[in-house]
PDB file of N, CA and C in Angstrom:
ATOM      1  N   MET A   1       0.941  -1.539  -0.285  1.00  0.00           N
ATOM      2  CA  MET A   1      -0.348   0.113   0.179  1.00  0.00           C
ATOM      3  C   MET A   1       0.790   1.311  -0.328  1.00  0.00           C
ATOM      4  N   THR A   2       0.731   2.337  -0.905  1.00  0.00           N
ATOM      5  CA  THR A   2       1.426   3.589  -0.906  1.00  0.00           C
ATOM      6  C   THR A   2       0.199   4.631  -0.804  1.00  0.00           C
ATOM      7  N   TYR A   3       0.865   5.433   0.070  1.00  0.00           N
ATOM      8  CA  TYR A   3      -0.430   6.372   0.281  1.00  0.00           C
ATOM      9  C   TYR A   3       0.677   7.873  -0.224  1.00  0.00           C
ATOM     10  N   SER A   4       0.121   8.679  -0.797  1.00  0.00           N
ATOM     11  CA  SER A   4       0.226  10.415  -2.164  1.00  0.00           C
ATOM     12  C   SER A   4      -0.149  11.129  -1.620  1.00  0.00           C
ATOM     13  N   TYR A   5       0.225  11.766  -1.135  1.00  0.00           N
ATOM     14  CA  TYR A   5      -0.474  13.489  -1.708  1.00  0.00           C
ATOM     15  C   TYR A   5       0.424  14.976  -2.394  1.00  0.00           C
ATOM     16  N   LYS A   6       0.187  15.362  -2.656  1.00  0.00           N
ATOM     17  CA  LYS A   6       0.471  16.312  -3.855  1.00  0.00           C
ATOM     18  C   LYS A   6       0.407  17.947  -2.629  1.00  0.00           C
ATOM     19  N   THR A   7       1.286  18.387  -2.551  1.00  0.00           N
ATOM     20  CA  THR A   7       1.814  19.914  -2.058  1.00  0.00           C
ATOM     21  C   THR A   7       2.136  21.323  -2.900  1.00  0.00           C
ATOM     22  N   ARG A   8       2.314  22.069  -3.184  1.00  0.00           N
ATOM     23  CA  ARG A   8       2.975  23.312  -3.943  1.00  0.00           C
ATOM     24  C   ARG A   8       4.714  22.532  -4.269  1.00  0.00           C
ATOM     25  N   ALA A   9       4.996  22.126  -2.734  1.00  0.00           N
ATOM     26  CA  ALA A   9       6.292  21.460  -3.065  1.00  0.00           C
ATOM     27  C   ALA A   9       6.592  20.340  -4.280  1.00  0.00           C
ATOM     28  N   GLY A  10       5.658  19.092  -4.450  1.00  0.00           N
ATOM     29  CA  GLY A  10       5.769  18.019  -4.859  1.00  0.00           C
ATOM     30  C   GLY A  10       5.085  16.901  -3.953  1.00  0.00           C
ATOM     31  N   THR A  11       4.972  15.904  -5.026  1.00  0.00           N
ATOM     32  CA  THR A  11       4.137  14.453  -4.125  1.00  0.00           C
ATOM     33  C   THR A  11       4.857  14.199  -2.680  1.00  0.00           C
ATOM     34  N   PHE A  12       4.665  14.001  -1.720  1.00  0.00           N
ATOM     35  CA  PHE A  12       4.727  12.763  -0.511  1.00  0.00           C
ATOM     36  C   PHE A  12       4.190  11.661  -1.098  1.00  0.00           C
ATOM     37  N   PHE A  13       5.288  10.637  -0.218  1.00  0.00           N
ATOM     38  CA  PHE A  13       4.668   9.387  -0.333  1.00  0.00           C
ATOM     39  C   PHE A  13       4.881   8.359   0.549  1.00  0.00           C
ATOM     40  N   ILE A  14       4.404   8.044   0.863  1.00  0.00           N
ATOM     41  CA  ILE A  14       4.510   6.731   2.398  1.00  0.00           C
ATOM     42  C   ILE A  14       4.674   5.469   1.929  1.00  0.00           C
ATOM     43  N   LYS A  15       5.197   4.595   1.743  1.00  0.00           N
ATOM     44  CA  LYS A  15       5.114   3.682   1.808  1.00  0.00           C
ATOM     45  C   LYS A  15       5.772   2.823   2.218  1.00  0.00           C
ATOM     46  N   GLN A  16       5.881   1.480   2.121  1.00  0.00           N
ATOM     47  CA  GLN A  16       5.978  -0.292   2.930  1.00  0.00           C
ATOM     48  C   GLN A  16       6.537  -0.406   2.076  1.00  0.00           C
ATOM     49  N   ILE A  17       7.871  -0.378   2.405  1.00  0.00           N
ATOM     50  CA  ILE A  17       9.466  -1.380   2.336  1.00  0.00           C
ATOM     51  C   ILE A  17      10.268  -1.808   2.866  1.00  0.00           C
ATOM     52  N   SER A  18      10.022  -3.350   2.615  1.00  0.00           N
ATOM     53  CA  SER A  18      10.680  -4.524   3.681  1.00  0.00           C
ATOM     54  C   SER A  18      10.399  -4.217   5.195  1.00  0.00           C
ATOM     55  N   HIS A  19       9.016  -4.290   5.277  1.00  0.00           N
ATOM     56  CA  HIS A  19       8.051  -4.505   6.690  1.00  0.00           C
ATOM     57  C   HIS A  19       8.252  -2.957   7.286  1.00  0.00           C
ATOM     58  N   ARG A  20       9.208  -1.647   6.900  1.00  0.00           N
ATOM     59  CA  ARG A  20       9.132  -0.317   7.280  1.00  0.00           C
ATOM     60  C   ARG A  20       8.175   0.626   6.426  1.00  0.00           C
ATOM     61  N   TRP A  21       7.916   1.656   7.366  1.00  0.00           N
ATOM     62  CA  TRP A  21       7.230   2.665   6.516  1.00  0.00           C
ATOM     63  C   TRP A  21       7.868   3.636   6.009  1.00  0.00           C
ATOM     64  N   HIS A  22       8.223   4.224   4.808  1.00  0.00           N
ATOM     65  CA  HIS A  22       8.973   5.123   4.805  1.00  0.00           C
ATOM     66  C   HIS A  22       8.175   6.255   3.932  1.00  0.00           C
ATOM     67  N   VAL A  23       8.858   7.756   4.222  1.00  0.00           N
ATOM     68  CA  VAL A  23       8.273   8.938   4.220  1.00  0.00           C
ATOM     69  C   VAL A  23       9.417   9.176   2.895  1.00  0.00           C
ATOM     70  N   ILE A  24       8.654   9.244   1.438  1.00  0.00           N
ATOM     71  CA  ILE A  24       9.354   9.256   0.335  1.00  0.00           C
ATOM     72  C   ILE A  24       8.821  10.792  -0.970  1.00  0.00           C
ATOM     73  N   TYR A  25      10.447  11.801  -0.416  1.00  0.00           N
ATOM     74  CA  TYR A  25      10.065  12.975  -1.386  1.00  0.00           C
ATOM     75  C   TYR A  25      11.047  12.860  -2.147  1.00  0.00           C
ATOM     76  N   GLN A  26      10.811  12.919  -3.619  1.00  0.00           N
ATOM     77  CA  GLN A  26      11.395  13.065  -5.001  1.00  0.00           C
ATOM     78  C   GLN A  26      12.714  11.745  -4.992  1.00  0.00           C
ATOM     79  N   ASP A  27      12.070  10.455  -4.524  1.00  0.00           N
ATOM     80  CA  ASP A  27      12.985   9.926  -4.773  1.00  0.00           C
ATOM     81  C   ASP A  27      14.070   9.305  -3.268  1.00  0.00           C
ATOM     82  N   ASP A  28      13.790  10.075  -2.309  1.00  0.00           N
ATOM     83  CA  ASP A  28      14.530  10.538  -1.686  1.00  0.00           C
ATOM     84  C   ASP A  28      13.876   9.835   0.000  1.00  0.00           C
ATOM     85  N   SER A  29      14.639   9.104   0.418  1.00  0.00           N
ATOM     86  CA  SER A  29      13.409   8.381   1.877  1.00  0.00           C
ATOM     87  C   SER A  29      13.709   9.272   3.360  1.00  0.00           C
ATOM     88  N   LEU A  30      13.037  10.196   3.851  1.00  0.00           N
ATOM     89  CA  LEU A  30      13.489  11.080   4.598  1.00  0.00           C
ATOM     90  C   LEU A  30      13.331  10.358   6.204  1.00  0.00           C
ATOM     91  N   GLY A  31      13.153   8.732   5.950  1.00  0.00           N
ATOM     92  CA  GLY A  31      12.965   8.654   7.319  1.00  0.00           C
ATOM     93  C   GLY A  31      12.105   7.141   7.395  1.00  0.00           C
ATOM     94  N   SER A  32      12.312   6.349   8.089  1.00  0.00           N
ATOM     95  CA  SER A  32      11.659   4.564   8.339  1.00  0.00           C
ATOM     96  C   SER A  32      10.640   4.658   9.422  1.00  0.00           C
ATOM     97  N   TYR A  33       9.828   3.705   9.342  1.00  0.00           N
ATOM     98  CA  TYR A  33       9.003   3.695  10.909  1.00  0.00           C
ATOM     99  C   TYR A  33       8.200   2.722  11.005  1.00  0.00           C
ATOM    100  N   HIS A  34       7.307   2.639  12.089  1.00  0.00           N
ATOM    101  CA  HIS A  34       7.279   1.140  12.874  1.00  0.00           C
ATOM    102  C   HIS A  34       5.173   1.553  11.890  1.00  0.00           C
ATOM    103  N   SER A  35       4.976   2.743  11.953  1.00  0.00           N
ATOM    104  CA  SER A  35       4.109   2.562  11.077  1.00  0.00           C
ATOM    105  C   SER A  35       3.231   3.659   9.938  1.00  0.00           C
ATOM    106  N   PRO A  36       2.409   3.610   8.993  1.00  0.00           N
ATOM    107  CA  PRO A  36       2.197   5.511   8.503  1.00  0.00           C
ATOM    108  C   PRO A  36       1.467   6.181   9.601  1.00  0.00           C
ATOM    109  N   GLN A  37       1.311   5.918   9.908  1.00  0.00           N
ATOM    110  CA  GLN A  37       0.424   7.503  11.034  1.00  0.00           C
ATOM    111  C   GLN A  37       2.261   7.516  11.077  1.00  0.00           C
ATOM    112  N   HIS A  38       2.718   7.223  12.515  1.00  0.00           N
ATOM    113  CA  HIS A  38       3.762   7.690  12.867  1.00  0.00           C
ATOM    114  C   HIS A  38       5.283   8.045  11.580  1.00  0.00           C
ATOM    115  N   ALA A  39       4.994   7.738  10.670  1.00  0.00           N
ATOM    116  CA  ALA A  39       5.365   8.596   9.274  1.00  0.00           C
ATOM    117  C   ALA A  39       4.731   9.990   9.711  1.00  0.00           C
ATOM    118  N   LEU A  40       3.480  10.137   9.107  1.00  0.00           N
ATOM    119  CA  LEU A  40       2.539  10.963   8.357  1.00  0.00           C
ATOM    120  C   LEU A  40       2.502  12.014  10.207  1.00  0.00           C
ATOM    121  N   ASP A  41       3.123  11.160  11.216  1.00  0.00           N
ATOM    122  CA  ASP A  41       2.946  12.571  12.182  1.00  0.00           C
ATOM    123  C   ASP A  41       4.789  13.385  11.675  1.00  0.00           C
ATOM    124  N   ASP A  42       5.714  12.151  12.006  1.00  0.00           N
ATOM    125  CA  ASP A  42       7.319  12.824  12.111  1.00  0.00           C
ATOM    126  C   ASP A  42       6.248  14.318  10.793  1.00  0.00           C
ATOM    127  N   LEU A  43       6.252  13.788   9.452  1.00  0.00           N
ATOM    128  CA  LEU A  43       5.947  14.753   8.182  1.00  0.00           C
ATOM    129  C   LEU A  43       5.684  16.163   8.316  1.00  0.00           C
ATOM    130  N   VAL A  44       3.968  15.777   9.323  1.00  0.00           N
ATOM    131  CA  VAL A  44       3.139  16.948   9.287  1.00  0.00           C
ATOM    132  C   VAL A  44       4.377  17.822  10.324  1.00  0.00           C
ATOM    133  N   GLY A  45       4.338  17.263  11.084  1.00  0.00           N
ATOM    134  CA  GLY A  45       5.699  18.670  12.043  1.00  0.00           C
ATOM    135  C   GLY A  45       7.021  18.388  12.297  1.00  0.00           C
ATOM    136  N   GLY A  46       7.726  18.329  10.460  1.00  0.00           N
ATOM    137  CA  GLY A  46       9.010  18.030  10.665  1.00  0.00           C
ATOM    138  C   GLY A  46       9.855  18.319  11.029  1.00  0.00           C
ATOM    139  N   HIS A  47       9.443  16.562  11.450  1.00  0.00           N
ATOM    140  CA  HIS A  47      10.513  16.016  11.996  1.00  0.00           C
ATOM    141  C   HIS A  47      11.253  14.570  10.692  1.00  0.00           C
ATOM    142  N   THR A  48      11.162  15.089   9.655  1.00  0.00           N
ATOM    143  CA  THR A  48      11.448  13.741   9.330  1.00  0.00           C
ATOM    144  C   THR A  48      13.201  14.486   8.974  1.00  0.00           C
ATOM    145  N   PHE A  49      14.560  13.447   8.204  1.00  0.00           N
ATOM    146  CA  PHE A  49      14.895  14.242   7.632  1.00  0.00           C
ATOM    147  C   PHE A  49      15.008  14.904   6.479  1.00  0.00           C
ATOM    148  N   SER A  50      15.707  16.113   6.501  1.00  0.00           N
ATOM    149  CA  SER A  50      15.129  17.170   5.516  1.00  0.00           C
ATOM    150  C   SER A  50      15.465  16.568   4.257  1.00  0.00           C
ATOM    151  N   PRO A  51      14.628  16.796   3.386  1.00  0.00           N
ATOM    152  CA  PRO A  51      14.555  16.740   2.379  1.00  0.00           C
ATOM    153  C   PRO A  51      15.430  18.198   1.267  1.00  0.00           C
ATOM    154  N   SER A  52      16.534  17.370  -0.143  1.00  0.00           N
ATOM    155  CA  SER A  52      17.039  18.163  -0.601  1.00  0.00           C
ATOM    156  C   SER A  52      17.546  19.532  -0.551  1.00  0.00           C
ATOM    157  N   ASN A  53      16.400  19.849  -0.873  1.00  0.00           N
ATOM    158  CA  ASN A  53      15.342  20.967  -1.719  1.00  0.00           C
ATOM    159  C   ASN A  53      15.323  22.093  -0.464  1.00  0.00           C
ATOM    160  N   GLY A  54      15.280  21.604   1.363  1.00  0.00           N
ATOM    161  CA  GLY A  54      15.740  22.410   2.095  1.00  0.00           C
ATOM    162  C   GLY A  54      14.508  22.699   2.678  1.00  0.00           C
ATOM    163  N   ILE A  55      13.728  22.310   1.897  1.00  0.00           N
ATOM    164  CA  ILE A  55      11.670  22.605   2.515  1.00  0.00           C
ATOM    165  C   ILE A  55      11.502  22.081   3.561  1.00  0.00           C
ATOM    166  N   ASP A  56      10.801  22.955   4.230  1.00  0.00           N
ATOM    167  CA  ASP A  56      10.403  23.004   5.705  1.00  0.00           C
ATOM    168  C   ASP A  56       8.950  21.691   5.890  1.00  0.00           C
ATOM    169  N   THR A  57       8.477  20.583   5.860  1.00  0.00           N
ATOM    170  CA  THR A  57       7.450  19.992   5.662  1.00  0.00           C
ATOM    171  C   THR A  57       6.326  20.168   6.589  1.00  0.00           C
ATOM    172  N   SER A  58       6.762  21.269   7.755  1.00  0.00           N
ATOM    173  CA  SER A  58       5.643  21.302   8.690  1.00  0.00           C
ATOM    174  C   SER A  58       4.793  22.085   7.836  1.00  0.00           C
ATOM    175  N   SER A  59       5.359  23.332   7.011  1.00  0.00           N
ATOM    176  CA  SER A  59       4.218  24.277   6.476  1.00  0.00           C
ATOM    177  C   SER A  59       4.271  24.071   5.143  1.00  0.00           C
ATOM    178  N   LEU A  60       3.853  23.093   4.533  1.00  0.00           N
ATOM    179  CA  LEU A  60       3.562  22.516   3.354  1.00  0.00           C
ATOM    180  C   LEU A  60       1.526  22.338   3.795  1.00  0.00           C
ATOM    181  N   GLY A  61       0.627  22.610   5.007  1.00  0.00           N
ATOM    182  CA  GLY A  61      -0.674  21.992   5.281  1.00  0.00           C
ATOM    183  C   GLY A  61      -0.531  20.315   4.949  1.00  0.00           C
ATOM    184  N   ILE A  62       0.285  19.652   4.787  1.00  0.00           N
ATOM    185  CA  ILE A  62      -0.115  18.832   4.690  1.00  0.00           C
ATOM    186  C   ILE A  62      -0.875  17.752   5.932  1.00  0.00           C
ATOM    187  N   PRO A  63      -1.967  17.199   5.623  1.00  0.00           N
ATOM    188  CA  PRO A  63      -3.129  16.813   6.505  1.00  0.00           C
ATOM    189  C   PRO A  63      -2.324  15.694   7.030  1.00  0.00           C
ATOM    190  N   ASP A  64      -3.063  15.873   8.997  1.00  0.00           N
ATOM    191  CA  ASP A  64      -2.523  14.521   9.445  1.00  0.00           C
ATOM    192  C   ASP A  64      -3.066  13.533   9.621  1.00  0.00           C
ATOM    193  N   GLU A  65      -4.258  13.292   8.936  1.00  0.00           N
ATOM    194  CA  GLU A  65      -5.150  12.355   8.712  1.00  0.00           C
ATOM    195  C   GLU A  65      -4.937  10.976   7.454  1.00  0.00           C
ATOM    196  N   LEU A  66      -4.214   9.969   7.449  1.00  0.00           N
ATOM    197  CA  LEU A  66      -4.424   9.838   6.616  1.00  0.00           C
ATOM    198  C   LEU A  66      -5.718   9.575   5.531  1.00  0.00           C
ATOM    199  N   GLY A  67      -7.076   9.320   6.455  1.00  0.00           N
ATOM    200  CA  GLY A  67      -7.879   9.487   5.480  1.00  0.00           C
ATOM    201  C   GLY A  67      -7.873  10.714   3.816  1.00  0.00           C
ATOM    202  N   GLU A  68      -7.287  11.241   4.526  1.00  0.00           N
ATOM    203  CA  GLU A  68      -7.099  12.507   3.456  1.00  0.00           C
ATOM    204  C   GLU A  68      -6.313  12.082   2.222  1.00  0.00           C
ATOM    205  N   TRP A  69      -5.682  11.407   2.160  1.00  0.00           N
ATOM    206  CA  TRP A  69      -4.296  11.163   1.135  1.00  0.00           C
ATOM    207  C   TRP A  69      -4.970   9.746   0.288  1.00  0.00           C
ATOM    208  N   SER A  70      -4.332  10.001  -0.567  1.00  0.00           N
ATOM    209  CA  SER A  70      -4.802   9.258  -1.927  1.00  0.00           C
ATOM    210  C   SER A  70      -3.874   7.780  -1.503  1.00  0.00           C
ATOM    211  N   VAL A  71      -4.618   6.641  -2.167  1.00  0.00           N
ATOM    212  CA  VAL A  71      -4.364   5.089  -1.582  1.00  0.00           C
ATOM    213  C   VAL A  71      -4.352   4.455  -2.651  1.00  0.00           C
ATOM    214  N   GLN A  72      -2.835   3.687  -3.156  1.00  0.00           N
ATOM    215  CA  GLN A  72      -3.244   2.837  -3.900  1.00  0.00           C
ATOM    216  C   GLN A  72      -2.491   1.851  -3.231  1.00  0.00           C
ATOM    217  N   ARG A  73      -3.648   0.611  -3.694  1.00  0.00           N
ATOM    218  CA  ARG A  73      -3.577  -0.880  -3.224  1.00  0.00           C
ATOM    219  C   ARG A  73      -2.312  -1.664  -4.270  1.00  0.00           C
ATOM    220  N   ASN A  74      -0.772  -1.838  -4.026  1.00  0.00           N
ATOM    221  CA  ASN A  74      -0.247  -2.603  -4.529  1.00  0.00           C
ATOM    222  C   ASN A  74      -0.374  -3.726  -4.953  1.00  0.00           C
TER     223      ASN A  74
END
């Protein structure tokens, strides 16, 4: 399963890779988490690894509910 959300800075993904959930932005993993909600909480709070373009993820208005993200079932 993959979650995605489009922002003005581009699309963010929360994707399961090898039993862990990763925040993916511009093909870079911004962190590995035990659950998609934990990944989202850190992304919304600006607590992930910093994207290479330096954007502050907490300023993007990303919703903190996974239900507001698009879902793709793999």
